[in-house]
Amino acid sequence: MEAIETDVLIIGAGPVGLAAAIELGTRGVRVLLVERSARVGVAPRAKTTNVRTRTHLRRWGIADKLAQESPFGIDYPNNMVFVTRLSGPELARFPDAFNAEPTRSPLYPEHAQWVPQYTLEKVMLEKARSLPGVSILFETSFVTATQDEQRVTATLKAADGQVRLVTARYLIGADGARSAVRELIGAKLEGRSGLSYHYNIIFRAPGLAAAHGHGPAVIYWQIGKDGFSAISPMDRDDIWAFAPGGAKPGETLSDEAAAALIRDRTGIDLSYEILSADSWSANELLADHYADRRIILAGDACHLHPPAGGYGMNMGVGDGVDLGWKIAATLQGWGGPELVASFEAERRPVHRAVLDEAMTNYAIYVAPVPPEIEDDSPEGAAIRASVGTGISVSKGREFNTLGTVLGLGYHGSPIVASEDTPLPLHDSQIYIPNARPGYLAPHAWLQDGRSLYDLFGLGFSLVVAEGADRAEVDLAIEDARDRGLPLTIVEPDDDAIAQLYGAALTLVRPDQHVAWRGDRWTGVLARVTGSAT
């Protein structure tokens, strides 16, 4: 039996585990990342990397690398097109879904990107492997773990039968919906499961893009007499994804049946080579607790919802980032005893809000339409016009998600300074920057062309507006030095920053959320590092 000692053991090498590993490894923390499979395949569950996730990739220096991996080019139109079937008439259209157009926005430094999850994972894995303290084991399963006040001891078993005993300060369970770590700590998923069942078919179809007249899009939503389905170009070499509803629990399709279903639902008779065919179910589930002392859940291990809005994988990456900087700070001595514990206090309300938003979107597109919608008749045309109007009115919130992606905050967090100002109004579609403590630090492009975010450091950052009292800045520096806290002083040469942030001094956390703001330094570091509640 091989014995391994590390700082953090992460179970699950999907985007969530990789995000945590990168966040920790970038800060010099030793990480062992373990994945039970070889992590290969052609069936991604997620295809939208949103503006927040790509901003994290920018911090890690790999946003441009992901852009280069875009299968159709970074400027491929991120359109959502609703049709009766791919060969039939159009019902409605939403351009630039999820803010993926590669143009500069004042609200964020990185646009979203349509890219298969396995491509994102490849780029993140390369980054993780480049970090000296990160080790990765594939085809290795988590068996069990015990813990005491100082450490976690876990048993791992490789596919070849080799057993490893790993000792770590923390264990992160990023092992997905069927999490063995969740079972170990006795956490229960609460909510509703099996809301609907869908096939997930990946196939190759040369000529399909030219066989319809709807132009380029990332998803063609088919709403016809046979029900709802989605079909989308996914990767190079004419690889597409098809997701029809109507599956039965545990049911799979033969290649012949899958090809026939694609042919029937699209109305386009081509040769369809099936690469994979499985099924999935829509759920609305949230774990009743996320942690047991040094063992903590993240991603799908603690929250599951329908993929309506593209939130799931991206929210999991945010979990990995949050846990990563907090555990690193604790191990390095400048994070207090309550810092890691704040993960659930901050992230769970965000998870709940996103689940509710995803369920609102999900409820809209499962509604059936009249079977005459495809009729070549005045009645059919009238139904199509009515359905198209309904889609245009109701579905925009699923594809315009910036208010949820950037606008949810950690108000009420035990590690965020209190402020006697009104909470900003939340609109799921519209993001209005707000520097209230707990919310994402407002973004700005500086006069020299750089993003304000590019000036932030690995630790906390103090944004100093023009006209700030230098003595107050010196007090903050001295306070940070006394605590051993890494503090970057950010002094942008831009008089608009004071107006944007609403204070002379703004303390920004490693995850780019505001921890405190004010005109005079108030000695807030004990609270925001979890050293005082």
Protein backbone atom coordinates (compact mmCIF):
# COMPACT_ATOMS: atom_id res chain seq x y z
CA MET A 1 0.00 0.00 0.00
CA GLU A 2 1.41 3.37 -1.06
CA ALA A 3 1.18 6.24 1.44
CA ILE A 4 0.81 9.82 0.14
CA GLU A 5 0.81 13.05 2.12
CA THR A 6 -0.63 16.24 0.61
CA ASP A 7 -2.43 19.42 1.61
CA VAL A 8 -5.73 18.97 -0.22
CA LEU A 9 -7.24 15.83 -1.74
CA ILE A 10 -9.83 16.52 -4.45
CA ILE A 11 -12.14 13.73 -5.59
CA GLY A 12 -13.34 14.40 -9.15
CA ALA A 13 -11.37 15.92 -12.02
CA GLY A 14 -14.20 17.62 -13.89
CA PRO A 15 -14.38 21.43 -14.16
CA VAL A 16 -15.19 21.81 -10.45
CA GLY A 17 -12.26 19.76 -9.19
CA LEU A 18 -9.93 21.29 -11.77
CA ALA A 19 -10.98 24.82 -10.73
CA ALA A 20 -10.23 24.06 -7.09
CA ALA A 21 -6.90 22.44 -8.02
CA ILE A 22 -5.84 25.42 -10.14
CA GLU A 23 -6.89 27.92 -7.48
CA LEU A 24 -4.95 26.03 -4.81
CA GLY A 25 -1.96 25.13 -6.97
CA THR A 26 -1.54 28.71 -8.17
CA ARG A 27 -1.12 29.66 -4.50
CA GLY A 28 1.53 27.02 -3.86
CA VAL A 29 -0.73 24.52 -2.08
CA ARG A 30 -0.03 20.83 -2.67
CA VAL A 31 -2.98 19.06 -4.29
CA LEU A 32 -3.79 15.48 -5.24
CA LEU A 33 -6.60 15.40 -7.80
CA VAL A 34 -8.25 12.01 -8.25
CA GLU A 35 -10.64 10.87 -10.98
CA ARG A 36 -12.29 7.44 -11.15
CA SER A 37 -12.47 7.36 -14.96
CA ALA A 38 -10.05 8.14 -17.78
CA ARG A 39 -12.15 11.29 -18.36
CA VAL A 40 -12.51 10.68 -22.08
CA GLY A 41 -15.59 10.54 -24.27
CA VAL A 42 -17.67 12.54 -26.70
CA ALA A 43 -20.77 13.32 -24.64
CA PRO A 44 -20.38 16.65 -22.80
CA ARG A 45 -23.14 17.74 -20.45
CA ALA A 46 -22.21 21.44 -20.68
CA LYS A 47 -21.36 23.55 -23.70
CA THR A 48 -21.60 27.15 -22.44
CA THR A 49 -18.62 28.61 -20.61
CA ASN A 50 -20.12 31.85 -19.31
CA VAL A 51 -18.56 35.27 -18.78
CA ARG A 52 -17.80 34.61 -15.11
CA THR A 53 -16.05 31.31 -15.75
CA ARG A 54 -14.03 32.79 -18.59
CA THR A 55 -13.04 35.65 -16.27
CA HIS A 56 -11.63 33.05 -13.88
CA LEU A 57 -9.78 31.53 -16.84
CA ARG A 58 -8.39 34.99 -17.53
CA ARG A 59 -7.01 35.12 -13.97
CA TRP A 60 -5.38 31.73 -14.58
CA GLY A 61 -3.93 32.86 -17.92
CA ILE A 62 -5.86 30.40 -20.09
CA ALA A 63 -8.85 32.35 -21.46
CA ASP A 64 -7.08 32.95 -24.77
CA LYS A 65 -6.15 29.27 -24.96
CA LEU A 66 -9.80 28.27 -24.66
CA ALA A 67 -10.73 30.82 -27.32
CA GLN A 68 -8.22 29.20 -29.66
CA GLU A 69 -9.90 25.84 -29.06
CA SER A 70 -13.32 27.10 -30.22
CA PRO A 71 -14.48 24.46 -32.72
CA PHE A 72 -16.17 26.90 -35.12
CA GLY A 73 -14.14 30.03 -34.44
CA ILE A 74 -14.63 32.46 -31.59
CA ASP A 75 -16.89 34.69 -33.70
CA TYR A 76 -19.37 31.91 -34.58
CA PRO A 77 -22.84 33.36 -33.90
CA ASN A 78 -24.18 32.24 -30.52
CA ASN A 79 -27.76 32.25 -31.77
CA MET A 80 -30.69 30.29 -30.36
CA VAL A 81 -33.19 29.45 -33.10
CA PHE A 82 -36.62 27.94 -32.47
CA VAL A 83 -38.13 25.90 -35.31
CA THR A 84 -40.86 23.33 -35.75
CA ARG A 85 -38.11 21.01 -36.95
CA LEU A 86 -34.75 21.63 -38.58
CA SER A 87 -36.30 21.26 -42.02
CA GLY A 88 -39.35 23.32 -41.05
CA PRO A 89 -40.20 27.00 -40.51
CA GLU A 90 -38.63 29.25 -37.90
CA LEU A 91 -40.65 30.30 -34.84
CA ALA A 92 -38.33 32.68 -32.97
CA ARG A 93 -34.69 33.67 -32.65
CA PHE A 94 -32.42 34.99 -29.89
CA PRO A 95 -29.06 36.39 -31.04
CA ASP A 96 -25.91 36.46 -28.91
CA ALA A 97 -27.15 34.16 -26.16
CA PHE A 98 -25.22 34.36 -22.88
CA ASN A 99 -23.18 37.38 -24.06
CA ALA A 100 -20.86 35.30 -26.24
CA GLU A 101 -20.21 37.88 -28.95
CA PRO A 102 -16.45 38.62 -28.95
CA THR A 103 -16.80 42.36 -28.47
CA ARG A 104 -15.57 44.41 -25.53
CA SER A 105 -18.12 45.13 -22.83
CA PRO A 106 -17.68 47.53 -19.90
CA LEU A 107 -19.38 44.99 -17.64
CA TYR A 108 -16.87 42.11 -17.87
CA PRO A 109 -13.43 41.39 -19.35
CA GLU A 110 -14.28 38.07 -21.04
CA HIS A 111 -17.28 37.14 -23.18
CA ALA A 112 -18.95 33.74 -22.95
CA GLN A 113 -18.01 30.89 -25.28
CA TRP A 114 -19.80 27.94 -26.83
CA VAL A 115 -17.37 25.04 -26.43
CA PRO A 116 -17.79 21.37 -25.43
CA GLN A 117 -17.08 20.68 -21.78
CA TYR A 118 -14.40 18.15 -22.68
CA THR A 119 -12.50 20.90 -24.49
CA LEU A 120 -12.73 23.17 -21.46
CA GLU A 121 -11.51 20.31 -19.30
CA LYS A 122 -8.55 19.72 -21.62
CA VAL A 123 -7.45 23.35 -21.30
CA MET A 124 -7.94 23.37 -17.52
CA LEU A 125 -6.11 20.05 -17.16
CA GLU A 126 -3.10 21.41 -19.03
CA LYS A 127 -3.04 24.35 -16.63
CA ALA A 128 -3.35 22.13 -13.56
CA ARG A 129 -0.53 19.88 -14.76
CA SER A 130 1.70 22.91 -15.24
CA LEU A 131 1.52 23.73 -11.52
CA PRO A 132 4.36 22.12 -9.55
CA GLY A 133 2.28 21.22 -6.50
CA VAL A 134 -0.59 19.54 -8.35
CA SER A 135 -0.58 15.76 -8.90
CA ILE A 136 -3.32 13.93 -10.79
CA LEU A 137 -4.42 10.29 -10.73
CA PHE A 138 -6.93 9.00 -13.29
CA GLU A 139 -8.77 5.66 -13.12
CA THR A 140 -8.55 5.82 -9.35
CA SER A 141 -11.63 5.54 -7.14
CA PHE A 142 -12.36 7.02 -3.76
CA VAL A 143 -13.16 4.23 -1.27
CA THR A 144 -13.62 5.92 2.10
CA ALA A 145 -12.10 8.42 4.52
CA THR A 146 -11.80 9.22 8.19
CA GLN A 147 -10.84 12.48 9.85
CA ASP A 148 -9.71 14.03 13.11
CA GLU A 149 -9.09 17.62 14.20
CA GLN A 150 -5.95 17.94 12.07
CA ARG A 151 -6.32 15.83 8.93
CA VAL A 152 -8.30 13.55 6.65
CA THR A 153 -7.09 10.04 5.82
CA ALA A 154 -8.57 8.61 2.62
CA THR A 155 -8.33 5.23 0.93
CA LEU A 156 -8.06 5.18 -2.87
CA LYS A 157 -8.11 2.21 -5.23
CA ALA A 158 -6.76 2.26 -8.79
CA ALA A 159 -8.22 0.31 -11.69
CA ASP A 160 -5.22 -2.06 -11.52
CA GLY A 161 -6.00 -2.84 -7.87
CA GLN A 162 -3.32 -0.67 -6.28
CA VAL A 163 -4.43 0.83 -2.97
CA ARG A 164 -3.19 4.22 -1.78
CA LEU A 165 -3.59 5.77 1.65
CA VAL A 166 -3.70 9.57 1.38
CA THR A 167 -3.33 11.99 4.27
CA ALA A 168 -4.49 15.58 3.65
CA ARG A 169 -5.57 18.65 5.58
CA TYR A 170 -8.81 18.93 3.59
CA LEU A 171 -10.85 16.76 1.22
CA ILE A 172 -13.06 18.29 -1.47
CA GLY A 173 -15.82 16.09 -2.88
CA ALA A 174 -16.28 17.25 -6.47
CA ASP A 175 -17.41 13.81 -7.56
CA GLY A 176 -20.70 14.68 -9.20
CA ALA A 177 -24.33 13.74 -8.84
CA ARG A 178 -23.63 10.24 -7.50
CA SER A 179 -21.09 11.55 -5.00
CA ALA A 180 -19.49 8.94 -2.76
CA VAL A 181 -18.15 11.79 -0.61
CA ARG A 182 -21.67 13.10 -0.07
CA GLU A 183 -22.73 9.65 1.09
CA LEU A 184 -19.73 9.48 3.43
CA ILE A 185 -20.65 12.68 5.29
CA GLY A 186 -24.32 11.77 5.44
CA ALA A 187 -25.58 14.68 3.35
CA LYS A 188 -28.97 14.19 1.73
CA LEU A 189 -30.22 15.74 -1.51
CA GLU A 190 -33.54 17.46 -0.91
CA GLY A 191 -36.02 18.51 -3.59
CA ARG A 192 -37.47 16.83 -6.67
CA SER A 193 -35.85 14.28 -8.96
CA GLY A 194 -36.89 12.69 -12.25
CA LEU A 195 -38.81 15.77 -13.44
CA SER A 196 -38.29 14.63 -17.02
CA TYR A 197 -36.05 12.24 -18.92
CA HIS A 198 -34.08 13.00 -22.06
CA TYR A 199 -31.77 11.25 -24.48
CA ASN A 200 -28.31 12.65 -25.14
CA ILE A 201 -27.18 11.54 -28.59
CA ILE A 202 -23.84 12.53 -30.11
CA PHE A 203 -23.53 11.88 -33.82
CA ARG A 204 -21.61 12.73 -36.98
CA ALA A 205 -23.60 14.07 -39.94
CA PRO A 206 -21.61 15.47 -42.88
CA GLY A 207 -23.76 17.97 -44.77
CA LEU A 208 -26.30 18.64 -42.02
CA ALA A 209 -25.26 22.27 -41.56
CA ALA A 210 -26.00 22.94 -45.23
CA ALA A 211 -29.19 20.89 -45.32
CA HIS A 212 -31.37 23.53 -43.64
CA GLY A 213 -31.97 27.21 -44.24
CA HIS A 214 -31.81 28.68 -40.71
CA GLY A 215 -28.21 29.84 -40.80
CA PRO A 216 -25.60 29.27 -38.08
CA ALA A 217 -26.73 28.81 -34.48
CA VAL A 218 -25.53 26.96 -31.41
CA ILE A 219 -28.90 25.31 -30.68
CA TYR A 220 -31.91 24.71 -32.90
CA TRP A 221 -34.85 24.15 -30.59
CA GLN A 222 -37.43 21.93 -32.31
CA ILE A 223 -40.99 22.39 -31.10
CA GLY A 224 -43.36 20.41 -33.26
CA LYS A 225 -46.13 17.88 -33.21
CA ASP A 226 -43.69 15.20 -31.98
CA GLY A 227 -42.72 17.23 -28.93
CA PHE A 228 -39.65 19.15 -27.81
CA SER A 229 -36.03 18.48 -28.75
CA ALA A 230 -32.78 20.36 -29.22
CA ILE A 231 -30.14 19.79 -31.88
CA SER A 232 -26.83 21.59 -32.05
CA PRO A 233 -23.47 21.61 -33.82
CA MET A 234 -20.96 20.56 -31.19
CA ASP A 235 -17.48 20.09 -32.58
CA ARG A 236 -15.31 19.89 -35.66
CA ASP A 237 -15.69 16.98 -38.11
CA ASP A 238 -19.47 17.44 -38.42
CA ILE A 239 -20.18 16.33 -34.84
CA TRP A 240 -23.61 17.27 -33.50
CA ALA A 241 -25.64 16.73 -30.33
CA PHE A 242 -29.32 15.80 -30.22
CA ALA A 243 -31.41 15.90 -27.03
CA PRO A 244 -35.05 14.80 -27.42
CA GLY A 245 -37.39 14.35 -24.50
CA GLY A 246 -39.61 11.39 -23.89
CA ALA A 247 -37.01 8.95 -22.61
CA LYS A 248 -37.91 6.43 -19.93
CA PRO A 249 -35.79 6.01 -16.79
CA GLY A 250 -32.73 3.92 -17.57
CA GLU A 251 -33.70 3.52 -21.21
CA THR A 252 -31.05 3.57 -23.95
CA LEU A 253 -31.33 3.57 -27.72
CA SER A 254 -29.67 1.36 -30.29
CA ASP A 255 -27.64 3.20 -32.93
CA GLU A 256 -30.31 2.40 -35.51
CA ALA A 257 -33.12 3.73 -33.33
CA ALA A 258 -31.13 6.88 -32.50
CA ALA A 259 -30.41 7.60 -36.16
CA ALA A 260 -34.06 7.03 -37.05
CA LEU A 261 -35.14 9.44 -34.30
CA ILE A 262 -32.80 12.17 -35.59
CA ARG A 263 -34.07 11.64 -39.12
CA ASP A 264 -37.69 11.76 -37.98
CA ARG A 265 -37.42 14.82 -35.72
CA THR A 266 -35.32 16.91 -38.11
CA GLY A 267 -37.08 15.88 -41.29
CA ILE A 268 -33.67 15.61 -42.98
CA ASP A 269 -32.69 12.27 -44.48
CA LEU A 270 -28.92 11.90 -44.20
CA SER A 271 -26.45 9.29 -43.04
CA TYR A 272 -26.16 9.65 -39.25
CA GLU A 273 -23.21 7.99 -37.51
CA ILE A 274 -24.02 7.56 -33.82
CA LEU A 275 -21.02 8.16 -31.57
CA SER A 276 -22.80 7.78 -28.23
CA ALA A 277 -26.36 7.55 -26.94
CA ASP A 278 -27.30 7.78 -23.29
CA SER A 279 -29.98 9.50 -21.21
CA TRP A 280 -30.27 11.98 -18.36
CA SER A 281 -32.95 13.29 -16.03
CA ALA A 282 -33.86 16.78 -14.90
CA ASN A 283 -33.68 17.31 -11.14
CA GLU A 284 -34.09 20.08 -8.59
CA LEU A 285 -31.95 19.02 -5.65
CA LEU A 286 -29.89 20.73 -2.96
CA ALA A 287 -27.86 19.00 -0.24
CA ASP A 288 -29.06 19.54 3.32
CA HIS A 289 -25.47 20.28 4.36
CA TYR A 290 -22.23 20.68 2.44
CA ALA A 291 -19.52 19.78 4.91
CA ASP A 292 -18.42 17.67 7.81
CA ARG A 293 -15.44 19.46 9.35
CA ARG A 294 -12.54 18.95 6.89
CA ILE A 295 -14.59 17.20 4.17
CA ILE A 296 -16.52 19.56 1.89
CA LEU A 297 -18.79 19.08 -1.14
CA ALA A 298 -18.75 21.20 -4.30
CA GLY A 299 -20.50 21.27 -7.67
CA ASP A 300 -23.08 18.62 -8.60
CA ALA A 301 -22.23 16.76 -5.41
CA CYS A 302 -24.35 19.33 -3.55
CA HIS A 303 -26.64 20.94 -6.16
CA LEU A 304 -28.47 19.70 -9.26
CA HIS A 305 -30.90 21.49 -11.56
CA PRO A 306 -32.12 21.41 -15.17
CA PRO A 307 -29.70 22.86 -17.77
CA ALA A 308 -31.98 25.81 -18.50
CA GLY A 309 -29.77 28.88 -18.52
CA GLY A 310 -26.38 27.20 -18.72
CA TYR A 311 -25.69 27.64 -15.01
CA GLY A 312 -24.70 24.22 -13.66
CA MET A 313 -21.08 23.64 -14.66
CA ASN A 314 -20.28 27.33 -14.37
CA MET A 315 -21.70 27.51 -10.85
CA GLY A 316 -19.58 24.50 -9.94
CA VAL A 317 -16.45 26.27 -11.17
CA GLY A 318 -17.40 29.13 -8.85
CA ASP A 319 -17.59 26.62 -5.99
CA GLY A 320 -14.08 25.41 -6.77
CA VAL A 321 -12.75 28.98 -6.84
CA ASP A 322 -14.42 29.87 -3.54
CA LEU A 323 -13.12 26.79 -1.74
CA GLY A 324 -9.69 27.12 -3.33
CA TRP A 325 -8.78 30.57 -2.08
CA LYS A 326 -10.32 30.01 1.34
CA ILE A 327 -8.51 26.73 1.98
CA ALA A 328 -5.24 28.20 0.68
CA ALA A 329 -5.56 31.21 2.99
CA THR A 330 -6.25 28.94 5.95
CA LEU A 331 -3.30 26.66 5.23
CA GLN A 332 -1.02 29.68 4.76
CA GLY A 333 -1.98 31.10 8.13
CA TRP A 334 -3.78 34.32 7.19
CA GLY A 335 -7.23 32.78 6.97
CA GLY A 336 -9.07 32.37 10.26
CA PRO A 337 -11.01 29.40 11.65
CA GLU A 338 -14.31 30.54 10.13
CA LEU A 339 -13.07 31.16 6.59
CA VAL A 340 -13.54 27.67 5.12
CA ALA A 341 -16.81 27.28 7.03
CA SER A 342 -18.13 30.37 5.22
CA PHE A 343 -18.23 28.40 1.94
CA GLU A 344 -21.67 26.98 2.66
CA ALA A 345 -22.96 30.21 4.21
CA GLU A 346 -22.08 32.13 1.03
CA ARG A 347 -22.61 29.60 -1.74
CA ARG A 348 -25.81 27.86 -0.62
CA PRO A 349 -28.06 30.94 -1.03
CA VAL A 350 -26.55 31.45 -4.50
CA HIS A 351 -27.22 27.82 -5.37
CA ARG A 352 -30.83 28.18 -4.19
CA ALA A 353 -31.35 31.32 -6.26
CA VAL A 354 -29.90 29.70 -9.37
CA LEU A 355 -31.96 26.54 -8.89
CA ASP A 356 -35.09 28.68 -8.71
CA GLU A 357 -34.10 30.56 -11.87
CA ALA A 358 -33.31 27.34 -13.74
CA MET A 359 -36.66 25.87 -12.70
CA THR A 360 -38.49 28.96 -13.96
CA ASN A 361 -36.81 28.54 -17.33
CA TYR A 362 -37.39 24.80 -17.37
CA ALA A 363 -41.12 25.16 -16.74
CA ILE A 364 -41.50 27.22 -19.90
CA TYR A 365 -40.08 24.86 -22.50
CA VAL A 366 -41.74 21.65 -21.40
CA ALA A 367 -45.22 22.97 -22.26
CA PRO A 368 -46.75 21.12 -25.25
CA VAL A 369 -47.91 22.87 -28.42
CA PRO A 370 -50.95 22.11 -30.61
CA PRO A 371 -50.22 19.26 -33.04
CA GLU A 372 -51.40 21.41 -35.97
CA ILE A 373 -48.34 23.64 -35.55
CA GLU A 374 -46.70 21.99 -38.57
CA ASP A 375 -49.73 22.09 -40.84
CA ASP A 376 -49.32 23.97 -44.12
CA SER A 377 -52.57 25.85 -43.58
CA PRO A 378 -53.84 29.17 -42.25
CA GLU A 379 -54.51 27.45 -38.94
CA GLY A 380 -50.94 26.11 -38.80
CA ALA A 381 -49.51 29.53 -39.65
CA ALA A 382 -51.60 31.17 -36.93
CA ILE A 383 -50.42 28.62 -34.36
CA ARG A 384 -46.80 29.14 -35.37
CA ALA A 385 -47.17 32.91 -35.07
CA SER A 386 -48.78 32.56 -31.64
CA VAL A 387 -46.18 30.09 -30.38
CA GLY A 388 -43.34 32.21 -31.79
CA THR A 389 -44.66 35.28 -29.98
CA GLY A 390 -44.93 33.32 -26.75
CA ILE A 391 -41.35 32.07 -27.11
CA SER A 392 -40.05 35.57 -27.81
CA VAL A 393 -41.79 36.91 -24.71
CA SER A 394 -41.00 34.08 -22.30
CA LYS A 395 -37.68 32.52 -23.27
CA GLY A 396 -35.43 35.56 -23.31
CA ARG A 397 -34.57 35.16 -19.62
CA GLU A 398 -33.01 31.75 -20.33
CA PHE A 399 -30.49 33.23 -22.78
CA ASN A 400 -30.00 36.65 -21.22
CA THR A 401 -28.64 35.64 -17.85
CA LEU A 402 -26.13 38.34 -16.91
CA GLY A 403 -28.10 39.51 -13.88
CA THR A 404 -27.85 36.04 -12.37
CA VAL A 405 -24.33 35.25 -13.57
CA LEU A 406 -22.79 38.48 -12.25
CA GLY A 407 -25.40 40.04 -10.00
CA LEU A 408 -25.91 37.60 -7.11
CA GLY A 409 -24.12 38.64 -3.94
CA TYR A 410 -23.07 37.32 -0.54
CA HIS A 411 -25.05 39.76 1.57
CA GLY A 412 -25.39 38.49 5.10
CA SER A 413 -22.12 36.56 4.84
CA PRO A 414 -20.21 36.26 8.14
CA ILE A 415 -17.00 37.28 6.34
CA VAL A 416 -18.32 40.36 4.52
CA ALA A 417 -18.51 43.79 6.13
CA SER A 418 -21.98 45.03 6.98
CA GLU A 419 -23.22 48.16 5.26
CA ASP A 420 -26.33 50.18 5.98
CA THR A 421 -27.35 50.65 2.36
CA PRO A 422 -30.27 49.11 0.45
CA LEU A 423 -29.69 45.78 -1.27
CA PRO A 424 -29.56 46.18 -5.04
CA LEU A 425 -32.66 45.05 -6.89
CA HIS A 426 -32.11 41.76 -8.69
CA ASP A 427 -33.09 41.20 -12.31
CA SER A 428 -32.03 37.84 -13.75
CA GLN A 429 -31.46 39.33 -17.21
CA ILE A 430 -29.92 42.72 -16.46
CA TYR A 431 -26.71 43.27 -14.51
CA ILE A 432 -26.13 46.65 -12.90
CA PRO A 433 -22.68 46.87 -11.25
CA ASN A 434 -22.76 47.49 -7.51
CA ALA A 435 -19.80 47.70 -5.13
CA ARG A 436 -21.81 46.94 -2.00
CA PRO A 437 -19.84 44.47 0.16
CA GLY A 438 -20.56 40.89 -0.88
CA TYR A 439 -21.13 41.69 -4.56
CA LEU A 440 -18.82 41.30 -7.52
CA ALA A 441 -16.36 44.17 -7.82
CA PRO A 442 -17.50 46.37 -10.73
CA HIS A 443 -15.42 45.93 -13.84
CA ALA A 444 -13.84 48.76 -15.83
CA TRP A 445 -11.50 49.14 -18.78
CA LEU A 446 -8.67 51.49 -17.92
CA GLN A 447 -7.38 54.24 -20.16
CA ASP A 448 -4.34 52.15 -21.11
CA GLY A 449 -6.59 49.34 -22.36
CA ARG A 450 -6.15 46.98 -19.44
CA SER A 451 -8.96 45.49 -17.40
CA LEU A 452 -9.17 46.74 -13.83
CA TYR A 453 -9.34 43.07 -12.80
CA ASP A 454 -5.87 42.50 -14.27
CA LEU A 455 -4.45 44.71 -11.51
CA PHE A 456 -5.89 42.58 -8.71
CA GLY A 457 -3.50 40.25 -6.88
CA LEU A 458 -3.67 36.64 -5.67
CA GLY A 459 -4.64 37.79 -2.19
CA PHE A 460 -6.81 40.75 -1.25
CA SER A 461 -6.64 43.95 -3.29
CA LEU A 462 -7.29 47.49 -2.09
CA VAL A 463 -8.72 49.67 -4.86
CA VAL A 464 -7.65 53.24 -4.13
CA ALA A 465 -9.62 55.96 -5.90
CA GLU A 466 -8.13 59.30 -6.86
CA GLY A 467 -8.16 61.68 -3.89
CA ALA A 468 -8.01 58.95 -1.24
CA ASP A 469 -6.18 59.82 1.99
CA ARG A 470 -2.72 58.23 1.74
CA ALA A 471 -2.55 57.82 5.50
CA GLU A 472 -5.57 55.50 5.35
CA VAL A 473 -3.88 53.39 2.69
CA ASP A 474 -0.77 53.13 4.88
CA LEU A 475 -2.93 51.92 7.78
CA ALA A 476 -4.38 49.17 5.58
CA ILE A 477 -0.91 48.11 4.44
CA GLU A 478 0.33 47.96 8.03
CA ASP A 479 -2.73 45.98 9.13
CA ALA A 480 -2.22 43.45 6.33
CA ARG A 481 1.50 43.16 7.10
CA ASP A 482 0.77 42.45 10.76
CA ARG A 483 -1.58 39.63 9.76
CA GLY A 484 0.66 38.17 7.08
CA LEU A 485 -2.09 38.83 4.55
CA PRO A 486 -1.09 39.39 0.91
CA LEU A 487 -2.46 42.79 -0.12
CA THR A 488 -2.12 44.39 -3.54
CA ILE A 489 -2.62 48.15 -3.75
CA VAL A 490 -4.52 49.03 -6.93
CA GLU A 491 -4.35 52.69 -7.88
CA PRO A 492 -5.95 53.08 -11.32
CA ASP A 493 -5.31 56.35 -13.09
CA ASP A 494 -9.00 56.89 -13.71
CA ASP A 495 -11.22 59.33 -11.84
CA ALA A 496 -14.30 57.26 -12.74
CA ILE A 497 -13.33 54.52 -10.27
CA ALA A 498 -14.47 56.54 -7.23
CA GLN A 499 -17.92 56.93 -8.75
CA LEU A 500 -18.06 53.27 -9.85
CA TYR A 501 -17.07 51.95 -6.42
CA GLY A 502 -18.75 54.61 -4.27
CA ALA A 503 -15.83 54.96 -1.86
CA ALA A 504 -12.24 56.10 -1.66
CA LEU A 505 -11.10 52.62 -0.58
CA THR A 506 -12.54 49.25 -1.60
CA LEU A 507 -11.20 45.93 -0.34
CA VAL A 508 -11.61 43.16 -2.94
CA ARG A 509 -11.27 39.46 -2.12
CA PRO A 510 -9.25 36.95 -4.16
CA ASP A 511 -12.47 35.88 -5.90
CA GLN A 512 -13.11 39.50 -7.03
CA HIS A 513 -16.01 40.07 -4.64
CA VAL A 514 -16.04 43.22 -2.51
CA ALA A 515 -15.29 42.57 1.16
CA TRP A 516 -15.50 46.16 2.46
CA ARG A 517 -15.53 49.76 1.27
CA GLY A 518 -15.19 53.14 2.93
CA ASP A 519 -13.26 56.36 3.02
CA ARG A 520 -11.35 55.53 6.22
CA TRP A 521 -9.68 52.23 7.07
CA THR A 522 -11.64 50.46 9.81
CA GLY A 523 -9.48 47.43 10.59
CA VAL A 524 -11.86 45.02 8.91
CA LEU A 525 -9.37 42.26 8.09
CA ALA A 526 -10.25 40.07 11.08
CA ARG A 527 -13.83 39.76 9.86
CA VAL A 528 -13.19 39.28 6.15
CA THR A 529 -10.58 36.56 6.73
CA GLY A 530 -12.79 34.54 9.06
CA SER A 531 -10.80 35.43 12.16
CA ALA A 532 -13.74 37.17 13.89
CA THR A 533 -17.45 36.67 13.32
